[in-house]
Protein backbone atom coordinates (compact mmCIF):
# COMPACT_ATOMS: atom_id res chain seq x y z
CA MET A 1 6.53 -6.24 15.44
CA ARG A 2 3.76 -6.19 12.81
CA VAL A 3 1.91 -9.40 11.96
CA ARG A 4 -0.42 -9.68 9.02
CA GLU A 5 -3.19 -12.11 9.75
CA LYS A 6 -5.77 -13.33 7.25
CA VAL A 7 -9.29 -13.42 8.66
CA PHE A 8 -12.31 -14.97 6.94
CA LEU A 9 -15.52 -13.21 7.91
CA CYS A 10 -18.83 -14.98 7.39
CA ARG A 11 -21.56 -12.75 5.92
CA ARG A 12 -25.27 -13.29 6.40
CA PRO A 13 -27.44 -13.28 3.24
CA ASP A 14 -29.19 -10.07 4.31
CA SER A 15 -25.87 -8.22 4.17
CA TRP A 16 -25.10 -8.96 0.49
CA SER A 17 -26.14 -5.50 -0.62
CA SER A 18 -23.65 -3.90 1.74
CA LEU A 19 -20.82 -5.89 0.20
CA GLY A 20 -21.01 -4.16 -3.12
CA GLY A 21 -22.89 -6.81 -5.10
CA LEU A 22 -21.45 -9.97 -3.45
CA GLY A 23 -23.87 -12.65 -4.63
CA PRO A 24 -25.11 -15.95 -3.20
CA PHE A 25 -22.00 -17.79 -4.45
CA GLY A 26 -19.75 -15.49 -2.45
CA ASP A 27 -20.56 -16.55 1.11
CA TYR A 28 -17.28 -15.28 2.52
CA LYS A 29 -15.22 -12.14 2.16
CA ARG A 30 -11.52 -12.30 2.73
CA ASP A 31 -10.27 -9.54 4.97
CA VAL A 32 -6.71 -8.71 5.96
CA ARG A 33 -6.03 -7.00 9.26
CA ASP A 34 -2.86 -5.71 10.88
CA PHE A 35 -2.07 -6.65 14.45
CA HIS A 36 0.70 -5.24 16.59
CA VAL A 37 2.47 -7.72 18.91
CA ASP A 38 4.55 -6.40 21.77
CA PRO A 39 8.07 -7.81 21.18
CA GLN A 40 8.82 -7.77 24.91
CA LEU A 41 5.67 -9.75 25.69
CA GLN A 42 6.57 -12.27 22.99
CA ILE A 43 10.07 -12.73 24.43
CA LEU A 44 8.73 -13.18 27.96
CA THR A 45 6.24 -15.78 26.75
CA MET A 46 8.95 -17.72 24.92
CA GLU A 47 11.29 -17.58 27.91
CA SER A 48 8.59 -18.79 30.28
CA SER A 49 7.71 -21.73 28.03
CA GLU A 50 11.35 -22.81 27.86
CA LYS A 51 11.84 -22.96 31.64
CA THR A 52 11.34 -26.18 33.58
CA GLU A 53 8.76 -25.86 36.32
CA VAL A 54 10.00 -27.17 39.67
CA VAL A 55 8.28 -28.42 42.82
CA LEU A 56 10.56 -28.34 45.87
CA LEU A 57 9.93 -31.18 48.34
CA ALA A 58 11.40 -31.10 51.84
CA CYS A 59 11.23 -34.31 53.89
CA GLY A 60 12.23 -34.48 57.53
CA SER A 61 11.18 -34.55 61.16
CA PHE A 62 10.27 -30.86 61.53
CA ASN A 63 10.51 -31.42 65.27
CA PRO A 64 9.58 -28.57 65.48
CA ILE A 65 9.55 -26.57 62.27
CA THR A 66 11.72 -23.44 62.53
CA ASN A 67 12.20 -20.20 60.65
CA MET A 68 15.29 -21.78 59.09
CA HIS A 69 13.18 -24.49 57.48
CA LEU A 70 11.11 -21.80 55.82
CA ARG A 71 14.23 -19.89 54.75
CA LEU A 72 15.48 -22.99 52.91
CA PHE A 73 12.52 -22.73 50.55
CA GLU A 74 13.12 -19.04 49.86
CA LEU A 75 16.85 -19.55 49.27
CA ALA A 76 16.23 -22.47 46.93
CA LYS A 77 13.53 -20.62 45.01
CA ASP A 78 15.72 -17.55 44.48
CA TYR A 79 18.61 -19.71 43.28
CA MET A 80 16.61 -21.92 40.91
CA ASN A 81 14.71 -19.01 39.39
CA GLY A 82 17.97 -17.09 39.09
CA THR A 83 19.53 -19.74 36.85
CA GLY A 84 17.10 -18.78 34.08
CA LYS A 85 16.42 -22.48 33.45
CA TYR A 86 13.82 -23.18 36.13
CA ARG A 87 10.67 -21.68 37.59
CA VAL A 88 9.70 -22.84 41.08
CA ILE A 89 5.93 -23.15 41.29
CA LYS A 90 5.41 -24.89 44.63
CA GLY A 91 7.08 -25.96 47.85
CA ILE A 92 5.95 -29.01 49.83
CA ILE A 93 6.75 -29.85 53.46
CA SER A 94 6.36 -33.58 54.18
CA PRO A 95 6.85 -34.45 57.87
CA VAL A 96 8.04 -37.98 58.54
CA GLY A 97 5.70 -40.47 60.21
CA ASP A 98 5.92 -41.75 63.77
CA ALA A 99 7.36 -45.07 62.55
CA TYR A 100 10.68 -43.29 61.88
CA ARG A 101 11.31 -43.68 65.64
CA LYS A 102 13.91 -40.98 66.01
CA LYS A 103 14.87 -40.11 69.56
CA GLY A 104 12.78 -37.19 70.85
CA LEU A 105 10.33 -37.35 67.93
CA ILE A 106 6.91 -36.18 69.13
CA PRO A 107 3.67 -37.48 67.52
CA ALA A 108 3.20 -36.61 63.85
CA HIS A 109 -0.11 -34.80 64.28
CA HIS A 110 1.62 -32.14 66.42
CA ARG A 111 4.45 -31.72 63.91
CA VAL A 112 2.04 -31.52 60.97
CA THR A 113 -0.13 -28.95 62.74
CA MET A 114 2.89 -26.78 63.55
CA ALA A 115 4.05 -26.95 59.93
CA GLU A 116 0.59 -25.92 58.75
CA LEU A 117 0.60 -22.98 61.16
CA ALA A 118 4.08 -21.97 59.96
CA THR A 119 2.98 -21.91 56.30
CA LYS A 120 -0.44 -20.41 56.93
CA ASN A 121 0.47 -17.13 55.24
CA SER A 122 2.67 -18.59 52.51
CA THR A 123 1.47 -18.22 48.94
CA TRP A 124 3.46 -21.16 47.57
CA VAL A 125 4.65 -23.50 50.37
CA GLU A 126 2.19 -26.08 51.67
CA VAL A 127 2.15 -29.12 53.96
CA ASP A 128 1.42 -32.62 52.71
CA THR A 129 0.29 -35.25 55.24
CA TRP A 130 0.61 -38.42 53.14
CA GLU A 131 4.00 -39.49 54.50
CA SER A 132 3.08 -38.70 58.11
CA LEU A 133 -0.07 -40.85 57.93
CA GLN A 134 1.67 -44.06 56.82
CA ASP A 135 1.82 -46.90 59.34
CA GLU A 136 5.35 -47.77 58.30
CA TRP A 137 8.35 -45.56 57.64
CA ILE A 138 8.49 -44.58 53.96
CA GLU A 139 11.79 -44.17 52.11
CA THR A 140 12.45 -40.69 50.74
CA ALA A 141 12.69 -42.09 47.20
CA LYS A 142 9.12 -43.38 47.52
CA VAL A 143 7.90 -40.03 48.83
CA LEU A 144 9.42 -38.31 45.80
CA ARG A 145 7.83 -40.86 43.49
CA HIS A 146 4.46 -40.39 45.20
CA HIS A 147 4.46 -36.66 44.51
CA GLN A 148 5.72 -37.09 40.94
CA GLU A 149 2.94 -39.57 40.26
CA LYS A 150 0.38 -37.14 41.72
CA LEU A 151 1.53 -34.53 39.21
CA GLU A 152 1.33 -37.09 36.39
CA ALA A 153 -2.18 -38.17 37.40
CA ARG A 154 -3.32 -34.55 37.60
CA LYS A 155 -1.93 -33.83 34.13
CA CYS A 156 -3.62 -36.92 32.75
CA ASP A 157 -6.96 -35.93 34.30
CA ASN A 158 -6.68 -32.46 32.82
CA GLN A 159 -5.97 -33.90 29.39
CA GLN A 160 -8.94 -36.25 29.61
CA ASP A 161 -11.21 -33.40 30.67
CA SER A 162 -10.21 -31.50 27.52
CA PRO A 163 -12.18 -32.66 24.43
CA THR A 164 -9.39 -31.47 22.13
CA LEU A 165 -6.81 -33.72 23.77
CA GLU A 166 -8.87 -36.81 24.45
CA ARG A 167 -8.32 -39.75 22.14
CA PRO A 168 -9.81 -43.27 22.06
CA GLY A 169 -8.05 -45.54 24.51
CA GLN A 170 -6.12 -42.67 26.12
CA LYS A 171 -7.30 -43.45 29.67
CA ARG A 172 -6.42 -47.13 29.37
CA LYS A 173 -3.04 -46.32 27.86
CA TRP A 174 -2.26 -43.89 30.68
CA THR A 175 -3.23 -46.46 33.31
CA GLU A 176 -0.90 -48.98 31.70
CA GLN A 177 1.91 -46.42 31.58
CA ARG A 178 1.51 -45.59 35.29
CA GLN A 179 1.53 -49.26 36.26
CA ASP A 180 4.61 -49.86 34.13
CA PHE A 181 6.31 -46.85 35.73
CA SER A 182 5.60 -48.04 39.26
CA GLN A 183 7.00 -51.47 38.46
CA LYS A 184 10.18 -50.29 36.77
CA LYS A 185 10.87 -47.37 39.17
CA SER A 186 12.40 -45.45 36.32
CA LEU A 187 15.13 -42.92 36.94
CA GLU A 188 13.35 -40.64 34.48
CA PRO A 189 9.82 -40.38 35.96
CA LYS A 190 8.86 -37.06 34.38
CA MET A 191 6.46 -36.71 31.46
CA LYS A 192 7.12 -34.04 28.88
CA GLY A 193 5.97 -30.65 30.11
CA LEU A 194 5.47 -31.92 33.66
CA PRO A 195 6.94 -30.06 36.66
CA ALA A 196 10.09 -31.68 38.07
CA VAL A 197 10.02 -32.69 41.75
CA LYS A 198 13.36 -32.04 43.44
CA LEU A 199 14.41 -32.82 47.00
CA LEU A 200 15.21 -29.73 49.05
CA CYS A 201 17.71 -30.39 51.82
CA GLY A 202 20.60 -29.12 53.88
CA ALA A 203 24.19 -30.24 53.57
CA ASP A 204 23.72 -32.55 56.56
CA LEU A 205 21.35 -34.73 54.54
CA LEU A 206 23.80 -34.82 51.66
CA GLU A 207 26.55 -36.01 54.00
CA SER A 208 24.21 -38.57 55.59
CA PHE A 209 24.38 -40.49 52.31
CA GLY A 210 27.75 -41.69 53.57
CA VAL A 211 26.39 -43.18 56.82
CA PRO A 212 26.45 -46.99 56.54
CA ASN A 213 22.98 -48.59 56.20
CA LEU A 214 21.14 -45.28 56.56
CA TRP A 215 20.39 -45.17 52.83
CA LYS A 216 20.13 -47.87 50.18
CA SER A 217 22.52 -47.23 47.31
CA GLU A 218 19.74 -47.67 44.75
CA ASP A 219 17.65 -45.07 46.57
CA ILE A 220 20.49 -42.56 46.50
CA ALA A 221 20.89 -43.13 42.76
CA GLN A 222 17.17 -42.66 42.18
CA ILE A 223 16.91 -39.53 44.36
CA VAL A 224 19.91 -37.80 42.82
CA GLY A 225 19.75 -39.17 39.29
CA GLY A 226 16.02 -39.35 38.76
CA TYR A 227 14.86 -36.28 40.64
CA GLY A 228 17.72 -34.11 41.79
CA LEU A 229 18.82 -32.23 44.89
CA VAL A 230 18.67 -28.58 45.81
CA CYS A 231 21.08 -28.44 48.74
CA ILE A 232 21.51 -25.40 51.00
CA THR A 233 25.08 -25.32 52.29
CA ARG A 234 26.25 -23.69 55.51
CA ALA A 235 29.66 -22.41 56.49
CA GLY A 236 31.90 -25.32 57.40
CA ASN A 237 30.13 -27.79 55.11
CA ASP A 238 32.36 -28.89 52.25
CA ALA A 239 29.61 -30.25 50.05
CA GLN A 240 31.74 -30.13 46.90
CA LYS A 241 34.36 -32.36 48.49
CA PHE A 242 31.74 -34.84 49.68
CA ILE A 243 30.29 -35.05 46.15
CA TYR A 244 33.78 -35.61 44.76
CA GLU A 245 34.43 -38.46 47.21
CA SER A 246 31.16 -40.26 46.38
CA ASP A 247 31.02 -42.14 43.07
CA VAL A 248 27.23 -42.05 42.79
CA LEU A 249 27.02 -38.34 43.67
CA TRP A 250 29.84 -37.53 41.27
CA GLN A 251 28.07 -39.43 38.50
CA HIS A 252 24.95 -37.29 38.96
CA ARG A 253 26.68 -34.06 40.03
CA ALA A 254 24.92 -32.10 37.28
CA ASN A 255 21.64 -32.84 39.04
CA ILE A 256 22.85 -31.48 42.41
CA HIS A 257 22.29 -27.76 42.91
CA LEU A 258 24.39 -26.32 45.73
CA VAL A 259 23.02 -23.08 47.16
CA SER A 260 25.27 -20.96 49.37
CA GLU A 261 23.63 -19.46 52.42
CA TRP A 262 25.35 -16.10 52.57
CA VAL A 263 23.19 -14.76 55.39
CA THR A 264 24.06 -17.49 57.87
CA ASN A 265 21.43 -18.87 60.21
CA ASP A 266 22.28 -21.57 62.72
CA ILE A 267 18.77 -22.28 63.96
CA SER A 268 18.02 -25.99 64.35
CA SER A 269 15.20 -28.06 65.81
CA THR A 270 17.66 -29.66 68.23
CA LYS A 271 18.61 -26.26 69.67
CA ILE A 272 14.96 -25.25 69.88
CA ARG A 273 14.11 -28.36 71.90
CA ARG A 274 17.10 -27.77 74.18
CA ALA A 275 15.99 -24.20 74.86
CA LEU A 276 12.47 -25.37 75.65
CA ARG A 277 13.73 -28.01 78.09
CA ARG A 278 15.64 -25.24 79.87
CA ALA A 279 12.63 -22.90 79.90
CA GLN A 280 14.41 -20.44 77.62
CA SER A 281 12.71 -18.22 75.06
CA ILE A 282 12.40 -19.39 71.46
CA ARG A 283 10.74 -16.22 70.23
CA TYR A 284 11.88 -15.15 66.72
CA LEU A 285 13.39 -18.62 66.19
CA VAL A 286 10.09 -20.17 65.19
CA PRO A 287 6.92 -18.56 63.79
CA ASP A 288 4.75 -16.98 66.47
CA LEU A 289 1.86 -19.37 65.84
CA VAL A 290 4.22 -22.32 66.31
CA GLN A 291 5.49 -20.93 69.60
CA GLU A 292 1.92 -20.46 70.82
CA TYR A 293 1.04 -24.02 69.84
CA ILE A 294 4.07 -25.44 71.66
CA GLU A 295 3.19 -23.51 74.82
CA GLN A 296 -0.49 -24.43 74.59
CA HIS A 297 0.25 -28.16 74.39
CA SER A 298 3.34 -28.16 76.64
CA LEU A 299 5.47 -29.83 73.98
CA TYR A 300 9.17 -30.67 74.28
CA SER A 301 10.19 -31.60 77.78
CA ALA A 302 12.88 -33.83 79.25
CA GLU A 303 10.38 -36.68 79.07
CA SER A 304 9.56 -36.12 75.39
CA GLU A 305 13.27 -36.00 74.52
CA ASP A 306 13.63 -39.56 75.85
CA ARG A 307 10.91 -40.82 73.55
CA HIS A 308 12.24 -43.70 71.41
CA ALA A 309 15.48 -43.66 73.40
CA GLY A 310 17.41 -46.86 72.76
CA VAL A 311 15.28 -47.71 69.72
CA ILE A 312 17.08 -48.31 66.43
CA LEU A 313 16.20 -45.77 63.75
CA ALA A 314 13.75 -47.29 61.23
CA PRO A 315 15.99 -46.99 58.13
CA LEU A 316 18.98 -48.44 59.98
CA GLN A 317 16.91 -51.35 61.20
CA ARG A 318 15.40 -52.06 57.80
CA ASN A 319 18.57 -51.65 55.75
CA THR A 320 20.72 -53.59 58.22
CA ALA A 321 18.26 -56.48 58.17
CA GLY A 322 18.23 -56.38 54.38
CA ALA A 323 22.01 -56.44 54.19
CA THR A 324 22.30 -59.52 56.43
CA SER A 325 19.47 -61.50 54.85
């Protein structure tokens, strides 16, 4: 592709003689140059600009993190990039806090450290500690909103740092917009050109939407409608049927991406803990650094599995109390 571009070259007064008699009233000489643009490079640039950037967020216990957790990110990234509509730029692991009170849940600092060790060599998956450091259990919808707002704040800061984008009153206007967003809890939290945060999960989380009082209906609508799901399905999980049988999931079905796991992997944290209680090897089921950390700190015993035994799960307790009040 040939592009003709007009260029105006400024000439210094001492160069007039070299311009063939260009006098003091001819300060500029118009020059026309030919540039060659690689058509393939132009197409790639256009395609990249048209794709929606995606941040994959995985919330959960990670008790402990396993190789399967890491595989979820790779499967989701391959699928989303393969659609031609999205480009995954980051993965975030957000371990739940201690206030979740799930049976057998060990302290958050151990689970966070193991997740950090597991992603030590990853170029795009990282661990975020915000959720794990909260004194109270935080709903997944709020965790999603937290990360979306972080992206919005970062974009705003970048715009304000750029003198070509800064306008009078921009900072105040942005602050007002953020406050208004937090109050309204909009189902469309994304600014134009901002990466979309989507919840990465397994089919078991999708089906847990049907457990009474485990999720608030408005939270499900916000998670699925406002952000979206990337759900990795295993053999035996009929995710399509579950979506069909749920009115709210059916309404937002276009925002649910089902990813088939063709190379099946049945590793789970529950099975890892069971093997550890029975002094069985977990090598190749978790990253080596995670295995070393578990052995070093003697994690996951019969005693640790009884932690929070008989305690009502935080979301069930909160949502049940809200339903009866």
